[in-house]
Amino acid sequence: MSILAQFAIGLVFGLGLILAGMSDPAKVLNFLDLAAIPDGGWDPSLAFVMAGAIAVTFTGYRWVLRREAPLFDTRFHLPEARRLEPRLWQGPAIFGIGWGLAGFCPGPALTALTTGGAPAWIFLAAMFAGMAAARGLAARR
């Protein structure tokens, strides 16, 4: 049952990304281009998508964390570390730079495989290569 629930949640998430336009790199880049505000080229619509996601997440966490345990596990697995280590801010910084350059992030890139053509495939190949490189570097340490 857990796998079916996860599949359904992933399907709803993917459809939401497509409907919101997050799988269209041009739309994402138009949102991230704040320099285009004066000439009217900035697309603020993804801010509403993000605000909606934050509202749902905020509400969902407050509701779910009232339970003793999640539905499909024996306990919640929440972060326990409180220190801001370099890895905690370097990863998001690299993610943000990649998102700004390519207009894709991992979830929307996967949904764009059906309609995004070569850019989505190139992005995913680069993403998987970066993941392999990061694992290789972490294993060396």
C-alpha atoms as a PDB file:
ATOM      1  CA  MET A   1       0.000   0.000   0.000  1.00  0.00           C
ATOM      2  CA  SER A   2       2.862   2.371   0.801  1.00  0.00           C
ATOM      3  CA  ILE A   3       4.281   2.156  -2.736  1.00  0.00           C
ATOM      4  CA  LEU A   4       0.873   2.937  -4.270  1.00  0.00           C
ATOM      5  CA  ALA A   5       0.467   5.944  -1.974  1.00  0.00           C
ATOM      6  CA  GLN A   6       3.944   7.195  -2.884  1.00  0.00           C
ATOM      7  CA  PHE A   7       3.195   6.728  -6.582  1.00  0.00           C
ATOM      8  CA  ALA A   8      -0.073   8.667  -6.272  1.00  0.00           C
ATOM      9  CA  ILE A   9       1.631  11.484  -4.375  1.00  0.00           C
ATOM     10  CA  GLY A  10       4.419  11.646  -6.967  1.00  0.00           C
ATOM     11  CA  LEU A  11       1.882  11.670  -9.793  1.00  0.00           C
ATOM     12  CA  VAL A  12      -0.056  14.550  -8.228  1.00  0.00           C
ATOM     13  CA  PHE A  13       3.226  16.417  -7.620  1.00  0.00           C
ATOM     14  CA  GLY A  14       4.376  15.903 -11.219  1.00  0.00           C
ATOM     15  CA  LEU A  15       1.027  17.011 -12.631  1.00  0.00           C
ATOM     16  CA  GLY A  16       1.159  20.082 -10.395  1.00  0.00           C
ATOM     17  CA  LEU A  17       4.606  20.954 -11.733  1.00  0.00           C
ATOM     18  CA  ILE A  18       3.381  20.647 -15.316  1.00  0.00           C
ATOM     19  CA  LEU A  19       0.188  22.660 -14.699  1.00  0.00           C
ATOM     20  CA  ALA A  20       2.139  25.382 -12.880  1.00  0.00           C
ATOM     21  CA  GLY A  21       4.598  25.724 -15.761  1.00  0.00           C
ATOM     22  CA  MET A  22       7.611  24.678 -13.670  1.00  0.00           C
ATOM     23  CA  SER A  23       8.672  22.203 -16.369  1.00  0.00           C
ATOM     24  CA  ASP A  24       9.038  25.037 -18.892  1.00  0.00           C
ATOM     25  CA  PRO A  25      12.548  26.490 -18.472  1.00  0.00           C
ATOM     26  CA  ALA A  26      11.594  29.688 -20.309  1.00  0.00           C
ATOM     27  CA  LYS A  27       8.867  30.396 -17.757  1.00  0.00           C
ATOM     28  CA  VAL A  28      11.245  29.708 -14.877  1.00  0.00           C
ATOM     29  CA  LEU A  29      13.975  31.924 -16.344  1.00  0.00           C
ATOM     30  CA  ASN A  30      11.426  34.718 -16.923  1.00  0.00           C
ATOM     31  CA  PHE A  31      10.519  34.449 -13.243  1.00  0.00           C
ATOM     32  CA  LEU A  32      14.146  34.514 -12.087  1.00  0.00           C
ATOM     33  CA  ASP A  33      15.056  37.502 -14.321  1.00  0.00           C
ATOM     34  CA  LEU A  34      14.346  40.333 -11.893  1.00  0.00           C
ATOM     35  CA  ALA A  35      16.184  42.771 -14.180  1.00  0.00           C
ATOM     36  CA  ALA A  36      13.230  42.470 -16.570  1.00  0.00           C
ATOM     37  CA  ILE A  37      10.807  44.072 -14.093  1.00  0.00           C
ATOM     38  CA  PRO A  38      11.121  47.622 -15.491  1.00  0.00           C
ATOM     39  CA  ASP A  39      10.371  46.565 -19.082  1.00  0.00           C
ATOM     40  CA  GLY A  40       7.513  44.229 -18.130  1.00  0.00           C
ATOM     41  CA  GLY A  41       9.309  40.994 -19.096  1.00  0.00           C
ATOM     42  CA  TRP A  42       9.277  39.557 -15.585  1.00  0.00           C
ATOM     43  CA  ASP A  43       6.777  36.723 -15.007  1.00  0.00           C
ATOM     44  CA  PRO A  44       5.615  36.744 -11.348  1.00  0.00           C
ATOM     45  CA  SER A  45       3.248  33.783 -11.736  1.00  0.00           C
ATOM     46  CA  LEU A  46       5.653  31.264 -10.183  1.00  0.00           C
ATOM     47  CA  ALA A  47       5.687  33.346  -6.991  1.00  0.00           C
ATOM     48  CA  PHE A  48       2.037  32.355  -6.559  1.00  0.00           C
ATOM     49  CA  VAL A  49       2.962  28.717  -7.146  1.00  0.00           C
ATOM     50  CA  MET A  50       5.666  28.967  -4.486  1.00  0.00           C
ATOM     51  CA  ALA A  51       3.361  30.771  -2.050  1.00  0.00           C
ATOM     52  CA  GLY A  52       0.769  28.029  -2.521  1.00  0.00           C
ATOM     53  CA  ALA A  53       3.392  25.339  -1.952  1.00  0.00           C
ATOM     54  CA  ILE A  54       4.608  27.064   1.212  1.00  0.00           C
ATOM     55  CA  ALA A  55       1.044  27.362   2.537  1.00  0.00           C
ATOM     56  CA  VAL A  56       0.292  23.690   1.859  1.00  0.00           C
ATOM     57  CA  THR A  57       3.609  22.569   3.385  1.00  0.00           C
ATOM     58  CA  PHE A  58       3.180  24.767   6.467  1.00  0.00           C
ATOM     59  CA  THR A  59      -0.343  23.491   7.044  1.00  0.00           C
ATOM     60  CA  GLY A  60       0.590  19.896   6.274  1.00  0.00           C
ATOM     61  CA  TYR A  61       3.539  19.840   8.676  1.00  0.00           C
ATOM     62  CA  ARG A  62       1.464  21.316  11.496  1.00  0.00           C
ATOM     63  CA  TRP A  63      -1.277  18.734  10.894  1.00  0.00           C
ATOM     64  CA  VAL A  64       0.949  15.688  10.360  1.00  0.00           C
ATOM     65  CA  LEU A  65       3.365  16.338  13.224  1.00  0.00           C
ATOM     66  CA  ARG A  66       0.464  16.167  15.701  1.00  0.00           C
ATOM     67  CA  ARG A  67       0.426  12.432  15.061  1.00  0.00           C
ATOM     68  CA  GLU A  68       2.587  10.030  17.036  1.00  0.00           C
ATOM     69  CA  ALA A  69       4.007   8.465  13.852  1.00  0.00           C
ATOM     70  CA  PRO A  70       3.583   8.762  10.089  1.00  0.00           C
ATOM     71  CA  LEU A  71       1.159   6.430   8.311  1.00  0.00           C
ATOM     72  CA  PHE A  72       3.807   4.253   6.667  1.00  0.00           C
ATOM     73  CA  ASP A  73       6.614   4.247   9.259  1.00  0.00           C
ATOM     74  CA  THR A  74       7.114   3.780  12.986  1.00  0.00           C
ATOM     75  CA  ARG A  75       8.553   7.256  13.637  1.00  0.00           C
ATOM     76  CA  PHE A  76       9.229  10.622  12.032  1.00  0.00           C
ATOM     77  CA  HIS A  77      12.723  11.125  10.602  1.00  0.00           C
ATOM     78  CA  LEU A  78      13.369  14.804  11.249  1.00  0.00           C
ATOM     79  CA  PRO A  79      16.752  16.554  11.138  1.00  0.00           C
ATOM     80  CA  GLU A  80      18.491  16.690  14.480  1.00  0.00           C
ATOM     81  CA  ALA A  81      21.579  18.766  13.601  1.00  0.00           C
ATOM     82  CA  ARG A  82      21.410  22.419  14.582  1.00  0.00           C
ATOM     83  CA  ARG A  83      24.749  23.685  13.209  1.00  0.00           C
ATOM     84  CA  LEU A  84      24.940  25.366   9.823  1.00  0.00           C
ATOM     85  CA  GLU A  85      27.760  23.422   8.234  1.00  0.00           C
ATOM     86  CA  PRO A  86      29.198  24.463   4.857  1.00  0.00           C
ATOM     87  CA  ARG A  87      27.517  21.524   3.095  1.00  0.00           C
ATOM     88  CA  LEU A  88      24.143  22.841   4.253  1.00  0.00           C
ATOM     89  CA  TRP A  89      24.487  26.129   2.377  1.00  0.00           C
ATOM     90  CA  GLN A  90      26.882  25.110  -0.422  1.00  0.00           C
ATOM     91  CA  GLY A  91      24.467  22.528  -1.853  1.00  0.00           C
ATOM     92  CA  PRO A  92      21.530  24.945  -2.106  1.00  0.00           C
ATOM     93  CA  ALA A  93      23.822  27.605  -3.581  1.00  0.00           C
ATOM     94  CA  ILE A  94      24.967  25.227  -6.315  1.00  0.00           C
ATOM     95  CA  PHE A  95      21.345  24.157  -6.851  1.00  0.00           C
ATOM     96  CA  GLY A  96      20.240  27.786  -7.224  1.00  0.00           C
ATOM     97  CA  ILE A  97      23.010  28.597  -9.679  1.00  0.00           C
ATOM     98  CA  GLY A  98      22.122  25.554 -11.780  1.00  0.00           C
ATOM     99  CA  TRP A  99      18.421  26.426 -11.645  1.00  0.00           C
ATOM    100  CA  GLY A 100      19.142  29.970 -12.757  1.00  0.00           C
ATOM    101  CA  LEU A 101      21.404  28.870 -15.615  1.00  0.00           C
ATOM    102  CA  ALA A 102      19.288  26.010 -16.958  1.00  0.00           C
ATOM    103  CA  GLY A 103      15.748  26.888 -15.871  1.00  0.00           C
ATOM    104  CA  PHE A 104      15.304  23.324 -14.584  1.00  0.00           C
ATOM    105  CA  CYS A 105      15.395  21.774 -11.161  1.00  0.00           C
ATOM    106  CA  PRO A 106      15.252  17.988 -10.687  1.00  0.00           C
ATOM    107  CA  GLY A 107      11.498  17.441 -10.318  1.00  0.00           C
ATOM    108  CA  PRO A 108      10.386  19.607 -13.235  1.00  0.00           C
ATOM    109  CA  ALA A 109      13.237  18.253 -15.373  1.00  0.00           C
ATOM    110  CA  LEU A 110      11.862  14.739 -14.917  1.00  0.00           C
ATOM    111  CA  THR A 111       8.376  15.891 -15.895  1.00  0.00           C
ATOM    112  CA  ALA A 112       9.839  17.745 -18.897  1.00  0.00           C
ATOM    113  CA  LEU A 113      11.318  14.533 -20.310  1.00  0.00           C
ATOM    114  CA  THR A 114       8.030  13.931 -22.122  1.00  0.00           C
ATOM    115  CA  THR A 115       7.794  17.399 -23.664  1.00  0.00           C
ATOM    116  CA  GLY A 116      11.061  19.248 -22.991  1.00  0.00           C
ATOM    117  CA  GLY A 117      13.160  17.643 -25.687  1.00  0.00           C
ATOM    118  CA  ALA A 118      16.941  17.661 -25.652  1.00  0.00           C
ATOM    119  CA  PRO A 119      17.420  20.378 -22.962  1.00  0.00           C
ATOM    120  CA  ALA A 120      15.688  18.218 -20.341  1.00  0.00           C
ATOM    121  CA  TRP A 121      17.786  15.179 -21.251  1.00  0.00           C
ATOM    122  CA  ILE A 122      21.009  17.219 -21.205  1.00  0.00           C
ATOM    123  CA  PHE A 123      20.126  18.731 -17.842  1.00  0.00           C
ATOM    124  CA  LEU A 124      19.371  15.326 -16.329  1.00  0.00           C
ATOM    125  CA  ALA A 125      22.598  13.850 -17.699  1.00  0.00           C
ATOM    126  CA  ALA A 126      24.548  16.744 -16.166  1.00  0.00           C
ATOM    127  CA  MET A 127      22.620  16.383 -12.901  1.00  0.00           C
ATOM    128  CA  PHE A 128      23.394  12.665 -12.624  1.00  0.00           C
ATOM    129  CA  ALA A 129      27.053  13.315 -13.492  1.00  0.00           C
ATOM    130  CA  GLY A 130      27.177  15.949 -10.744  1.00  0.00           C
ATOM    131  CA  MET A 131      25.586  13.551  -8.267  1.00  0.00           C
ATOM    132  CA  ALA A 132      28.166  10.889  -9.128  1.00  0.00           C
ATOM    133  CA  ALA A 133      30.995  13.407  -8.774  1.00  0.00           C
ATOM    134  CA  ALA A 134      29.669  14.556  -5.384  1.00  0.00           C
ATOM    135  CA  ARG A 135      29.469  10.964  -4.164  1.00  0.00           C
ATOM    136  CA  GLY A 136      32.987  10.327  -5.415  1.00  0.00           C
ATOM    137  CA  LEU A 137      34.327  13.396  -3.603  1.00  0.00           C
ATOM    138  CA  ALA A 138      32.473  12.478  -0.414  1.00  0.00           C
ATOM    139  CA  ALA A 139      33.899   8.948  -0.529  1.00  0.00           C
ATOM    140  CA  ARG A 140      37.446  10.359  -0.769  1.00  0.00           C
ATOM    141  CA  ARG A 141      37.020  12.399   2.436  1.00  0.00           C
END
